[in-house]
Amino acid sequence: MNIQDKIIGTVPVFEVSQTLKDVITFFEETTYSHVGITENGAYLGLLSENDLACFEPKKKVDDFRFEMEDFFVTKETAWLDVLEMFSRNEANILPVLDEDRLIIGYYDLEDVVDVFIDTPFFREPGAILVVSIGVKDYSFSEIAQIVEGNNARLLGAFITGSENDIVEITLKVGTQSLNEVAQTFRRYNYTIVFGNSDDQFLEDLKQRSDYLEKYLNV
């Protein structure tokens, strides 16, 4: 999936030589969690909105050099890795760097999530099934065979949890009846963690996703 066309160039970048006055104004007038800082044009790090209370307008950005966070993506970063970077750093904006460590723009969390929601995993009718099994015992080829062996379509699958050598895999299955599919997974020693209709799953996701609600429902 190509998300490079979602790179935006309307969010500013600040130099370490600047005062914090403009950075303060930026955070006060937007809902972004971070903003990129450069030194002589090259990416240095990110200032966080969480530190806003510590900023003094007359001080230089450089005074916060050692408080900056250091995370970014490139144009080549896969969209799932982009989403992971958002989540891992509790950010709603990500700087996109080129090979010379120059900021060419940003990804906005809402734009990237919109791309994800527009995939067949969410758009096409079907049902959600969450299964778990030992990390050494699962394979995506087997999962696909189980689903398709029950005359259903596998619309998407990804690992959504891993703990104590147990992996959790979330599947979108192109069928309204999960019973036969679920029973087959049980015969292959998978544990059924969750199985429900599309509408109920999306409602559950909405209620439990505190991170996305924080940034998408402001």
Protein backbone atom coordinates (compact mmCIF):
# COMPACT_ATOMS: atom_id res chain seq x y z
CA MET A 1 0.00 0.00 0.00
CA ASN A 2 1.43 3.36 -1.06
CA ILE A 3 0.97 6.19 1.44
CA GLN A 4 3.63 8.56 0.11
CA ASP A 5 0.95 10.82 -1.32
CA LYS A 6 -0.18 11.42 2.27
CA ILE A 7 3.03 13.28 3.15
CA ILE A 8 2.07 16.84 4.06
CA GLY A 9 4.24 19.93 3.79
CA THR A 10 2.06 22.39 5.68
CA VAL A 11 3.47 21.69 9.14
CA PRO A 12 6.53 23.80 10.01
CA VAL A 13 10.03 22.76 10.99
CA PHE A 14 12.02 24.80 13.53
CA GLU A 15 15.77 25.42 13.76
CA VAL A 16 17.64 25.07 17.05
CA SER A 17 18.79 28.68 16.70
CA GLN A 18 15.20 29.98 16.89
CA THR A 19 13.50 31.08 20.08
CA LEU A 20 10.71 28.98 21.56
CA LYS A 21 8.10 31.67 20.99
CA ASP A 22 6.99 30.30 17.60
CA VAL A 23 7.07 26.71 18.85
CA ILE A 24 4.80 27.67 21.74
CA THR A 25 2.38 29.35 19.32
CA PHE A 26 2.44 26.26 17.08
CA PHE A 27 1.42 23.91 19.88
CA GLU A 28 -1.19 26.31 21.23
CA GLU A 29 -2.85 26.63 17.81
CA THR A 30 -2.74 22.97 16.73
CA THR A 31 -3.48 19.52 18.17
CA TYR A 32 -0.20 17.98 17.03
CA SER A 33 1.85 16.06 19.58
CA HIS A 34 5.32 16.89 18.21
CA VAL A 35 7.19 19.14 15.83
CA GLY A 36 10.47 18.60 13.99
CA ILE A 37 13.70 20.41 14.91
CA THR A 38 16.67 20.81 12.58
CA GLU A 39 20.26 21.96 12.92
CA ASN A 40 21.69 23.61 9.83
CA GLY A 41 18.82 22.06 7.90
CA ALA A 42 19.41 18.47 9.04
CA TYR A 43 16.97 16.61 11.27
CA LEU A 44 17.93 16.76 14.95
CA GLY A 45 14.88 15.53 16.83
CA LEU A 46 11.37 16.38 17.97
CA LEU A 47 9.96 18.67 20.61
CA SER A 48 6.89 17.30 22.37
CA GLU A 49 3.72 19.17 23.22
CA ASN A 50 3.93 17.48 26.63
CA ASP A 51 6.85 19.79 27.44
CA LEU A 52 4.93 22.94 26.54
CA ALA A 53 4.61 24.05 30.16
CA CYS A 54 8.41 24.13 30.44
CA PHE A 55 8.96 26.31 27.38
CA GLU A 56 9.95 29.93 27.91
CA PRO A 57 9.39 32.22 24.90
CA LYS A 58 12.77 33.96 25.12
CA LYS A 59 14.81 30.77 25.39
CA LYS A 60 16.38 29.11 22.36
CA VAL A 61 15.14 25.80 21.00
CA ASP A 62 18.71 24.65 21.48
CA ASP A 63 18.19 24.85 25.26
CA PHE A 64 15.99 21.74 24.92
CA ARG A 65 18.42 19.82 22.73
CA PHE A 66 18.79 17.00 25.24
CA GLU A 67 15.04 16.78 25.88
CA MET A 68 14.20 16.08 22.24
CA GLU A 69 12.76 12.75 21.14
CA ASP A 70 14.31 10.94 18.20
CA PHE A 71 11.95 9.02 15.95
CA PHE A 72 11.07 9.33 12.28
CA VAL A 73 10.21 7.38 9.14
CA THR A 74 11.33 7.54 5.53
CA LYS A 75 9.42 7.42 2.25
CA GLU A 76 10.33 3.74 2.03
CA THR A 77 8.86 2.84 5.44
CA ALA A 78 5.93 0.42 5.03
CA TRP A 79 2.55 1.69 6.14
CA LEU A 80 2.19 -0.87 8.93
CA ASP A 81 5.57 0.20 10.30
CA VAL A 82 4.39 3.81 10.09
CA LEU A 83 1.34 2.93 12.21
CA GLU A 84 3.57 1.11 14.68
CA MET A 85 5.83 4.17 14.96
CA PHE A 86 2.80 6.35 15.72
CA SER A 87 1.63 3.97 18.45
CA ARG A 88 5.04 3.26 19.99
CA ASN A 89 5.76 6.96 20.46
CA GLU A 90 2.21 8.09 21.28
CA ALA A 91 2.40 10.61 18.47
CA ASN A 92 -0.10 11.91 15.96
CA ILE A 93 2.51 13.28 13.57
CA LEU A 94 5.70 11.76 12.15
CA PRO A 95 8.55 13.48 10.30
CA VAL A 96 9.50 11.88 6.99
CA LEU A 97 13.23 12.04 6.24
CA ASP A 98 15.19 11.60 3.02
CA GLU A 99 18.61 9.94 2.66
CA ASP A 100 20.31 13.18 3.76
CA ARG A 101 18.26 13.40 6.98
CA LEU A 102 16.29 16.34 5.65
CA ILE A 103 12.63 16.59 6.64
CA ILE A 104 10.59 16.36 3.43
CA GLY A 105 7.26 16.52 5.25
CA TYR A 106 5.15 14.76 7.84
CA TYR A 107 2.62 11.95 8.10
CA ASP A 108 -0.56 12.87 9.97
CA LEU A 109 -1.99 9.95 12.00
CA GLU A 110 -5.53 10.62 10.85
CA ASP A 111 -4.52 10.48 7.17
CA VAL A 112 -2.71 7.16 7.60
CA VAL A 113 -5.56 5.62 9.61
CA ASP A 114 -7.99 6.72 6.89
CA VAL A 115 -5.92 4.76 4.36
CA PHE A 116 -6.01 1.70 6.63
CA ILE A 117 -9.78 1.93 7.15
CA ASP A 118 -10.27 2.19 3.38
CA THR A 119 -8.70 -1.26 2.83
CA PRO A 120 -10.81 -4.39 2.15
CA PHE A 121 -10.05 -5.48 5.72
CA PHE A 122 -12.53 -2.85 6.92
CA ARG A 123 -14.63 -2.08 3.83
CA GLU A 124 -15.72 -5.53 2.65
CA PRO A 125 -18.48 -7.34 4.53
CA GLY A 126 -17.38 -10.24 6.65
CA ALA A 127 -16.57 -11.28 10.16
CA ILE A 128 -13.68 -10.85 12.56
CA LEU A 129 -11.99 -13.85 14.15
CA VAL A 130 -9.14 -13.60 16.65
CA VAL A 131 -7.17 -16.78 17.30
CA SER A 132 -4.09 -17.58 19.36
CA ILE A 133 -1.49 -20.34 19.30
CA GLY A 134 2.12 -21.00 20.29
CA VAL A 135 4.61 -18.82 18.44
CA LYS A 136 6.38 -21.91 17.08
CA ASP A 137 3.18 -23.56 15.86
CA TYR A 138 1.45 -21.03 13.65
CA SER A 139 1.94 -20.18 9.99
CA PHE A 140 0.03 -17.78 7.79
CA SER A 141 -0.14 -20.37 5.03
CA GLU A 142 -1.91 -22.78 7.40
CA ILE A 143 -4.28 -20.03 8.53
CA ALA A 144 -5.17 -19.27 4.92
CA GLN A 145 -5.72 -22.97 4.18
CA ILE A 146 -8.06 -23.33 7.17
CA VAL A 147 -10.16 -20.36 6.10
CA GLU A 148 -10.27 -21.20 2.41
CA GLY A 149 -10.87 -24.89 3.17
CA ASN A 150 -14.22 -23.80 4.60
CA ASN A 151 -15.16 -21.99 1.37
CA ALA A 152 -14.49 -18.58 2.92
CA ARG A 153 -12.21 -15.76 1.79
CA LEU A 154 -9.36 -14.43 3.91
CA LEU A 155 -9.55 -10.65 3.53
CA GLY A 156 -6.71 -9.86 5.89
CA ALA A 157 -4.65 -11.14 8.81
CA PHE A 158 -2.07 -9.64 11.11
CA ILE A 159 -0.49 -10.33 14.49
CA THR A 160 -2.15 -8.18 17.14
CA GLY A 161 -0.51 -9.61 20.24
CA SER A 162 2.46 -11.63 21.44
CA GLU A 163 3.12 -12.65 25.03
CA ASN A 164 4.69 -15.64 26.77
CA ASP A 165 5.38 -17.41 23.45
CA ILE A 166 1.72 -17.10 22.43
CA VAL A 167 0.77 -15.07 19.39
CA GLU A 168 -2.64 -13.57 18.71
CA ILE A 169 -3.75 -13.22 15.09
CA THR A 170 -6.70 -11.11 13.97
CA LEU A 171 -8.44 -12.30 10.80
CA LYS A 172 -11.07 -10.70 8.56
CA VAL A 173 -13.02 -13.54 6.96
CA GLY A 174 -15.37 -13.10 4.02
CA THR A 175 -18.27 -15.01 5.51
CA GLN A 176 -21.13 -14.22 7.84
CA SER A 177 -20.95 -17.63 9.53
CA LEU A 178 -17.80 -18.25 11.51
CA ASN A 179 -18.87 -21.49 13.14
CA GLU A 180 -17.29 -23.94 10.70
CA VAL A 181 -14.13 -21.84 10.38
CA ALA A 182 -13.79 -21.53 14.16
CA GLN A 183 -14.35 -25.26 14.69
CA THR A 184 -11.61 -26.06 12.18
CA PHE A 185 -9.19 -23.71 13.93
CA ARG A 186 -9.94 -25.54 17.21
CA ARG A 187 -9.15 -28.89 15.56
CA TYR A 188 -5.77 -27.42 14.61
CA ASN A 189 -5.18 -26.48 18.28
CA TYR A 190 -5.87 -22.76 17.88
CA THR A 191 -7.68 -21.00 20.72
CA ILE A 192 -10.60 -18.79 19.69
CA VAL A 193 -10.10 -15.47 21.46
CA PHE A 194 -12.84 -13.52 19.71
CA GLY A 195 -15.36 -14.21 16.98
CA ASN A 196 -18.02 -11.75 16.02
CA SER A 197 -19.76 -9.88 13.27
CA ASP A 198 -18.16 -6.94 11.50
CA ASP A 199 -20.41 -4.31 13.09
CA GLN A 200 -19.87 -5.64 16.61
CA PHE A 201 -16.11 -5.79 16.11
CA LEU A 202 -15.91 -2.21 14.90
CA GLU A 203 -17.99 -1.06 17.86
CA ASP A 204 -15.70 -2.95 20.23
CA LEU A 205 -12.64 -1.45 18.52
CA LYS A 206 -14.09 2.03 18.87
CA GLN A 207 -14.82 1.61 22.56
CA ARG A 208 -11.47 0.07 23.50
CA SER A 209 -9.08 2.09 21.34
CA ASP A 210 -8.23 4.87 23.79
CA TYR A 211 -5.14 5.83 21.82
CA LEU A 212 -6.96 6.47 18.54
CA GLU A 213 -9.85 8.20 20.28
CA LYS A 214 -7.40 10.58 21.96
CA TYR A 215 -6.08 11.87 18.65
CA LEU A 216 -8.94 11.33 16.19
CA ASN A 217 -11.89 12.54 18.23
CA VAL A 218 -10.59 15.89 19.46
